[in-house]
Amino acid sequence: MAEKKKILIVDDEADVLTYLSTLFEDNGYATISARDGREALRLTEIHHPDLITLDIFMPEKSGVKFYREIKESARWKNIPIIIVTGISENFQKFISSRPQVPPPEGYISKPINPEEILGIVKRLAG
């Protein structure tokens, strides 16, 4: 049997972590959760996730900073990242126009539509 694809969920809201991990696990994925960018970096090192869902506004290390570190790393830059946030499309334009890093592979706004996020996950992680 093939090994489950691993998704790292990064969000400072416990209910979002619970919701996404339940949704992904019910659909055959393994999940790891982090509450901020610092913990997410450590878990990326340990678990080598196949995909990351990333909230932007978090304590400790922001999602933007974590995103930049992943995308500038030769080792991690190919991990697809889905930005999951309650903020507007202006932010989507902003993060997608940074010259130093590529735009995120996926973008979804809160409240999360389960079919929409599963469709993006399936397309990016298989």
N, C-alpha and C. Protein backbone atom coordinates (compact mmCIF):
# COMPACT_ATOMS: atom_id res chain seq x y z
N MET A 1 0.84 -1.20 0.00
CA MET A 1 0.00 0.00 0.00
C MET A 1 0.87 1.25 0.00
N ALA A 2 0.52 2.22 -0.81
CA ALA A 2 1.30 3.45 -0.91
C ALA A 2 1.24 4.24 0.40
N GLU A 3 2.35 4.91 0.69
CA GLU A 3 2.37 5.73 1.90
C GLU A 3 1.47 6.95 1.70
N LYS A 4 0.78 7.34 2.77
CA LYS A 4 -0.10 8.50 2.68
C LYS A 4 0.71 9.76 2.44
N LYS A 5 0.17 10.68 1.64
CA LYS A 5 0.79 11.99 1.45
C LYS A 5 0.65 12.76 2.76
N LYS A 6 1.73 13.49 3.13
CA LYS A 6 1.74 14.24 4.39
C LYS A 6 1.46 15.71 4.14
N ILE A 7 0.53 16.25 4.90
CA ILE A 7 0.19 17.67 4.81
C ILE A 7 0.54 18.34 6.14
N LEU A 8 1.34 19.38 6.07
CA LEU A 8 1.64 20.20 7.25
C LEU A 8 0.63 21.35 7.26
N ILE A 9 -0.15 21.44 8.34
CA ILE A 9 -1.16 22.49 8.50
C ILE A 9 -0.59 23.52 9.46
N VAL A 10 -0.46 24.77 9.01
CA VAL A 10 0.11 25.82 9.85
C VAL A 10 -0.96 26.89 10.09
N ASP A 11 -1.43 26.97 11.34
CA ASP A 11 -2.47 27.95 11.70
C ASP A 11 -2.44 28.14 13.20
N ASP A 12 -2.65 29.35 13.67
CA ASP A 12 -2.64 29.58 15.12
C ASP A 12 -4.01 29.36 15.75
N GLU A 13 -5.03 29.08 14.96
CA GLU A 13 -6.37 28.84 15.51
C GLU A 13 -6.60 27.34 15.64
N ALA A 14 -6.81 26.89 16.90
CA ALA A 14 -6.99 25.46 17.17
C ALA A 14 -8.15 24.86 16.37
N ASP A 15 -9.26 25.62 16.23
CA ASP A 15 -10.41 25.05 15.51
C ASP A 15 -10.11 24.85 14.04
N VAL A 16 -9.29 25.70 13.45
CA VAL A 16 -8.90 25.54 12.04
C VAL A 16 -8.00 24.31 11.90
N LEU A 17 -7.04 24.15 12.83
CA LEU A 17 -6.16 22.97 12.80
C LEU A 17 -6.99 21.69 12.88
N THR A 18 -7.94 21.67 13.81
CA THR A 18 -8.79 20.49 13.99
C THR A 18 -9.63 20.23 12.74
N TYR A 19 -10.24 21.28 12.21
CA TYR A 19 -11.09 21.15 11.03
C TYR A 19 -10.30 20.60 9.85
N LEU A 20 -9.15 21.22 9.55
CA LEU A 20 -8.37 20.80 8.38
C LEU A 20 -7.78 19.41 8.57
N SER A 21 -7.25 19.10 9.77
CA SER A 21 -6.67 17.77 9.93
C SER A 21 -7.74 16.70 9.81
N THR A 22 -8.94 16.94 10.35
CA THR A 22 -10.04 15.98 10.21
C THR A 22 -10.43 15.83 8.74
N LEU A 23 -10.58 16.94 8.04
CA LEU A 23 -10.96 16.92 6.63
C LEU A 23 -9.94 16.14 5.80
N PHE A 24 -8.65 16.44 6.00
CA PHE A 24 -7.61 15.78 5.21
C PHE A 24 -7.49 14.30 5.57
N GLU A 25 -7.53 13.98 6.87
CA GLU A 25 -7.40 12.59 7.30
C GLU A 25 -8.58 11.75 6.82
N ASP A 26 -9.79 12.33 6.84
CA ASP A 26 -10.98 11.63 6.34
C ASP A 26 -10.86 11.36 4.84
N ASN A 27 -9.98 12.09 4.17
CA ASN A 27 -9.79 11.92 2.73
C ASN A 27 -8.46 11.25 2.39
N GLY A 28 -7.89 10.55 3.38
CA GLY A 28 -6.74 9.70 3.09
C GLY A 28 -5.36 10.32 3.22
N TYR A 29 -5.25 11.50 3.80
CA TYR A 29 -3.94 12.13 3.98
C TYR A 29 -3.50 12.01 5.43
N ALA A 30 -2.17 12.04 5.63
CA ALA A 30 -1.61 12.12 6.99
C ALA A 30 -1.38 13.60 7.26
N THR A 31 -1.58 14.04 8.52
CA THR A 31 -1.41 15.46 8.81
C THR A 31 -0.47 15.69 9.99
N ILE A 32 0.17 16.85 9.94
CA ILE A 32 1.02 17.34 11.02
C ILE A 32 0.56 18.79 11.23
N SER A 33 0.49 19.24 12.48
CA SER A 33 0.01 20.59 12.74
C SER A 33 1.07 21.44 13.43
N ALA A 34 1.11 22.73 13.04
CA ALA A 34 2.00 23.70 13.68
C ALA A 34 1.20 24.95 13.96
N ARG A 35 1.50 25.60 15.10
CA ARG A 35 0.74 26.80 15.49
C ARG A 35 1.42 28.10 15.10
N ASP A 36 2.66 28.04 14.60
CA ASP A 36 3.33 29.25 14.12
C ASP A 36 4.45 28.85 13.16
N GLY A 37 5.05 29.85 12.53
CA GLY A 37 6.06 29.61 11.53
C GLY A 37 7.31 28.94 12.07
N ARG A 38 7.67 29.24 13.30
CA ARG A 38 8.87 28.64 13.89
C ARG A 38 8.68 27.12 14.04
N GLU A 39 7.55 26.74 14.62
CA GLU A 39 7.25 25.32 14.78
C GLU A 39 7.11 24.65 13.41
N ALA A 40 6.52 25.35 12.46
CA ALA A 40 6.34 24.81 11.10
C ALA A 40 7.69 24.50 10.44
N LEU A 41 8.67 25.37 10.62
CA LEU A 41 10.00 25.12 10.05
C LEU A 41 10.62 23.86 10.66
N ARG A 42 10.51 23.75 11.97
CA ARG A 42 11.06 22.58 12.67
C ARG A 42 10.38 21.30 12.16
N LEU A 43 9.06 21.32 12.02
CA LEU A 43 8.32 20.14 11.57
C LEU A 43 8.59 19.82 10.10
N THR A 44 8.86 20.84 9.29
CA THR A 44 9.22 20.62 7.89
C THR A 44 10.54 19.84 7.83
N GLU A 45 11.49 20.23 8.68
CA GLU A 45 12.78 19.53 8.77
C GLU A 45 12.59 18.06 9.12
N ILE A 46 11.73 17.79 10.10
CA ILE A 46 11.54 16.43 10.61
C ILE A 46 10.73 15.56 9.65
N HIS A 47 9.61 16.10 9.15
CA HIS A 47 8.63 15.29 8.45
C HIS A 47 8.64 15.37 6.93
N HIS A 48 9.31 16.36 6.35
CA HIS A 48 9.34 16.51 4.88
C HIS A 48 7.94 16.40 4.27
N PRO A 49 7.03 17.35 4.59
CA PRO A 49 5.65 17.22 4.09
C PRO A 49 5.57 17.30 2.56
N ASP A 50 4.51 16.71 2.01
CA ASP A 50 4.27 16.75 0.57
C ASP A 50 3.57 18.04 0.17
N LEU A 51 2.94 18.69 1.16
CA LEU A 51 2.18 19.91 0.91
C LEU A 51 2.03 20.66 2.23
N ILE A 52 1.93 21.99 2.15
CA ILE A 52 1.76 22.81 3.36
C ILE A 52 0.55 23.71 3.15
N THR A 53 -0.34 23.77 4.16
CA THR A 53 -1.37 24.81 4.16
C THR A 53 -0.90 25.84 5.19
N LEU A 54 -0.99 27.10 4.83
CA LEU A 54 -0.34 28.15 5.62
C LEU A 54 -1.25 29.34 5.87
N ASP A 55 -1.48 29.62 7.16
CA ASP A 55 -2.18 30.84 7.57
C ASP A 55 -1.13 31.95 7.54
N ILE A 56 -1.56 33.18 7.32
CA ILE A 56 -0.62 34.29 7.20
C ILE A 56 -0.35 35.00 8.52
N PHE A 57 -1.41 35.33 9.25
CA PHE A 57 -1.22 36.09 10.48
C PHE A 57 -1.14 35.17 11.69
N MET A 58 0.07 35.02 12.22
CA MET A 58 0.29 34.15 13.38
C MET A 58 1.33 34.80 14.29
N PRO A 59 1.32 34.41 15.58
CA PRO A 59 2.35 34.92 16.49
C PRO A 59 3.71 34.28 16.15
N GLU A 60 4.74 34.71 16.84
CA GLU A 60 6.10 34.17 16.67
C GLU A 60 6.67 34.49 15.31
N LYS A 61 6.40 33.67 14.32
CA LYS A 61 6.94 33.90 12.99
C LYS A 61 5.75 33.94 12.05
N SER A 62 5.59 35.01 11.30
CA SER A 62 4.42 35.15 10.44
C SER A 62 4.47 34.17 9.27
N GLY A 63 3.30 33.96 8.69
CA GLY A 63 3.21 33.09 7.52
C GLY A 63 4.03 33.60 6.36
N VAL A 64 4.08 34.92 6.18
CA VAL A 64 4.85 35.50 5.07
C VAL A 64 6.32 35.16 5.22
N LYS A 65 6.83 35.30 6.44
CA LYS A 65 8.24 35.01 6.70
C LYS A 65 8.54 33.52 6.48
N PHE A 66 7.66 32.66 6.98
CA PHE A 66 7.82 31.21 6.78
C PHE A 66 7.78 30.87 5.29
N TYR A 67 6.81 31.46 4.58
CA TYR A 67 6.66 31.23 3.14
C TYR A 67 7.96 31.57 2.41
N ARG A 68 8.49 32.75 2.74
CA ARG A 68 9.72 33.19 2.08
C ARG A 68 10.87 32.23 2.38
N GLU A 69 10.98 31.80 3.63
CA GLU A 69 12.07 30.87 3.99
C GLU A 69 11.95 29.55 3.24
N ILE A 70 10.75 29.04 3.11
CA ILE A 70 10.55 27.77 2.39
C ILE A 70 10.90 27.96 0.91
N LYS A 71 10.37 29.02 0.30
CA LYS A 71 10.56 29.22 -1.14
C LYS A 71 11.98 29.63 -1.52
N GLU A 72 12.75 30.15 -0.54
CA GLU A 72 14.14 30.51 -0.83
C GLU A 72 15.09 29.35 -0.53
N SER A 73 14.57 28.27 0.04
CA SER A 73 15.41 27.13 0.41
C SER A 73 15.49 26.14 -0.75
N ALA A 74 16.70 25.81 -1.15
CA ALA A 74 16.89 24.85 -2.24
C ALA A 74 16.22 23.52 -1.88
N ARG A 75 16.26 23.19 -0.61
CA ARG A 75 15.75 21.91 -0.14
C ARG A 75 14.22 21.84 -0.11
N TRP A 76 13.57 22.95 0.20
CA TRP A 76 12.12 22.93 0.43
C TRP A 76 11.30 23.66 -0.63
N LYS A 77 11.92 24.38 -1.53
CA LYS A 77 11.16 25.27 -2.43
C LYS A 77 10.13 24.57 -3.31
N ASN A 78 10.29 23.25 -3.51
CA ASN A 78 9.34 22.54 -4.36
C ASN A 78 8.11 21.99 -3.63
N ILE A 79 8.05 22.23 -2.31
CA ILE A 79 6.86 21.80 -1.57
C ILE A 79 5.73 22.78 -1.91
N PRO A 80 4.62 22.29 -2.47
CA PRO A 80 3.52 23.22 -2.77
C PRO A 80 2.93 23.81 -1.48
N ILE A 81 2.60 25.09 -1.55
CA ILE A 81 2.00 25.78 -0.40
C ILE A 81 0.66 26.35 -0.80
N ILE A 82 -0.35 26.06 0.02
CA ILE A 82 -1.67 26.67 -0.15
C ILE A 82 -1.83 27.69 0.97
N ILE A 83 -1.98 28.94 0.60
CA ILE A 83 -2.22 30.00 1.58
C ILE A 83 -3.70 29.93 1.97
N VAL A 84 -3.95 29.81 3.28
CA VAL A 84 -5.32 29.76 3.80
C VAL A 84 -5.48 30.95 4.73
N THR A 85 -6.30 31.91 4.32
CA THR A 85 -6.38 33.13 5.13
C THR A 85 -7.73 33.80 5.05
N GLY A 86 -8.02 34.59 6.08
CA GLY A 86 -9.27 35.34 6.10
C GLY A 86 -9.14 36.70 5.42
N ILE A 87 -7.97 36.98 4.85
CA ILE A 87 -7.81 38.31 4.28
C ILE A 87 -8.07 38.34 2.79
N SER A 88 -8.17 39.53 2.28
CA SER A 88 -8.70 39.78 0.95
C SER A 88 -7.80 39.40 -0.21
N GLU A 89 -8.36 39.57 -1.40
CA GLU A 89 -7.61 39.29 -2.61
C GLU A 89 -6.48 40.29 -2.83
N ASN A 90 -6.54 41.45 -2.14
CA ASN A 90 -5.40 42.38 -2.23
C ASN A 90 -4.15 41.69 -1.71
N PHE A 91 -4.32 40.88 -0.66
CA PHE A 91 -3.18 40.16 -0.14
C PHE A 91 -2.70 39.13 -1.15
N GLN A 92 -3.62 38.49 -1.84
CA GLN A 92 -3.25 37.50 -2.85
C GLN A 92 -2.40 38.16 -3.93
N LYS A 93 -2.80 39.37 -4.35
CA LYS A 93 -2.00 40.10 -5.34
C LYS A 93 -0.62 40.42 -4.78
N PHE A 94 -0.59 40.85 -3.51
CA PHE A 94 0.67 41.21 -2.87
C PHE A 94 1.63 40.03 -2.82
N ILE A 95 1.18 38.89 -2.26
CA ILE A 95 2.09 37.74 -2.09
C ILE A 95 2.48 37.17 -3.45
N SER A 96 1.63 37.31 -4.44
CA SER A 96 1.92 36.76 -5.76
C SER A 96 2.82 37.67 -6.58
N SER A 97 3.08 38.86 -6.09
CA SER A 97 3.89 39.79 -6.89
C SER A 97 5.26 40.06 -6.27
N ARG A 98 5.63 39.31 -5.23
CA ARG A 98 6.95 39.49 -4.63
C ARG A 98 8.00 39.00 -5.62
N PRO A 99 8.96 39.85 -6.00
CA PRO A 99 9.94 39.42 -6.99
C PRO A 99 10.87 38.30 -6.50
N GLN A 100 11.11 38.25 -5.19
CA GLN A 100 12.10 37.28 -4.69
C GLN A 100 11.56 35.86 -4.51
N VAL A 101 10.26 35.68 -4.49
CA VAL A 101 9.71 34.34 -4.33
C VAL A 101 8.56 34.11 -5.31
N PRO A 102 8.36 32.85 -5.72
CA PRO A 102 7.25 32.56 -6.62
C PRO A 102 5.91 32.68 -5.91
N PRO A 103 4.81 32.87 -6.65
CA PRO A 103 3.50 32.93 -6.01
C PRO A 103 3.14 31.57 -5.42
N PRO A 104 2.24 31.55 -4.42
CA PRO A 104 1.83 30.27 -3.84
C PRO A 104 1.14 29.39 -4.90
N GLU A 105 1.24 28.09 -4.72
CA GLU A 105 0.63 27.16 -5.67
C GLU A 105 -0.89 27.13 -5.51
N GLY A 106 -1.38 27.53 -4.34
CA GLY A 106 -2.82 27.56 -4.12
C GLY A 106 -3.16 28.67 -3.15
N TYR A 107 -4.41 29.09 -3.19
CA TYR A 107 -4.84 30.19 -2.33
C TYR A 107 -6.31 29.96 -2.01
N ILE A 108 -6.65 29.96 -0.74
CA ILE A 108 -8.06 29.76 -0.37
C ILE A 108 -8.39 30.70 0.79
N SER A 109 -9.60 31.25 0.75
CA SER A 109 -9.94 32.18 1.83
C SER A 109 -10.84 31.50 2.86
N LYS A 110 -10.77 32.03 4.08
CA LYS A 110 -11.65 31.57 5.15
C LYS A 110 -12.95 32.36 5.03
N PRO A 111 -14.10 31.81 5.35
CA PRO A 111 -14.30 30.43 5.79
C PRO A 111 -13.96 29.43 4.66
N ILE A 112 -13.38 28.32 5.05
CA ILE A 112 -12.86 27.34 4.10
C ILE A 112 -13.98 26.52 3.48
N ASN A 113 -13.97 26.42 2.16
CA ASN A 113 -14.89 25.56 1.45
C ASN A 113 -14.20 24.20 1.31
N PRO A 114 -14.74 23.13 1.95
CA PRO A 114 -14.04 21.84 1.95
C PRO A 114 -13.79 21.25 0.56
N GLU A 115 -14.77 21.35 -0.35
CA GLU A 115 -14.58 20.80 -1.70
C GLU A 115 -13.47 21.57 -2.41
N GLU A 116 -13.46 22.87 -2.23
CA GLU A 116 -12.46 23.71 -2.90
C GLU A 116 -11.05 23.37 -2.43
N ILE A 117 -10.84 23.29 -1.12
CA ILE A 117 -9.49 23.02 -0.62
C ILE A 117 -9.07 21.59 -0.97
N LEU A 118 -10.00 20.62 -0.90
CA LEU A 118 -9.64 19.24 -1.27
C LEU A 118 -9.28 19.14 -2.74
N GLY A 119 -9.96 19.91 -3.58
CA GLY A 119 -9.64 19.92 -5.01
C GLY A 119 -8.23 20.43 -5.25
N ILE A 120 -7.85 21.50 -4.55
CA ILE A 120 -6.50 22.06 -4.70
C ILE A 120 -5.47 21.07 -4.16
N VAL A 121 -5.73 20.47 -3.00
CA VAL A 121 -4.81 19.50 -2.40
C VAL A 121 -4.59 18.32 -3.36
N LYS A 122 -5.69 17.81 -3.89
CA LYS A 122 -5.60 16.67 -4.81
C LYS A 122 -4.77 17.02 -6.05
N ARG A 123 -4.99 18.22 -6.57
CA ARG A 123 -4.25 18.65 -7.77
C ARG A 123 -2.75 18.79 -7.47
N LEU A 124 -2.41 19.31 -6.27
CA LEU A 124 -1.01 19.58 -5.95
C LEU A 124 -0.27 18.39 -5.36
N ALA A 125 -0.95 17.58 -4.56
CA ALA A 125 -0.26 16.49 -3.85
C ALA A 125 -0.64 15.11 -4.37
N GLY A 126 -1.70 15.04 -5.15
CA GLY A 126 -2.10 13.74 -5.67
C GLY A 126 -2.96 12.98 -4.70
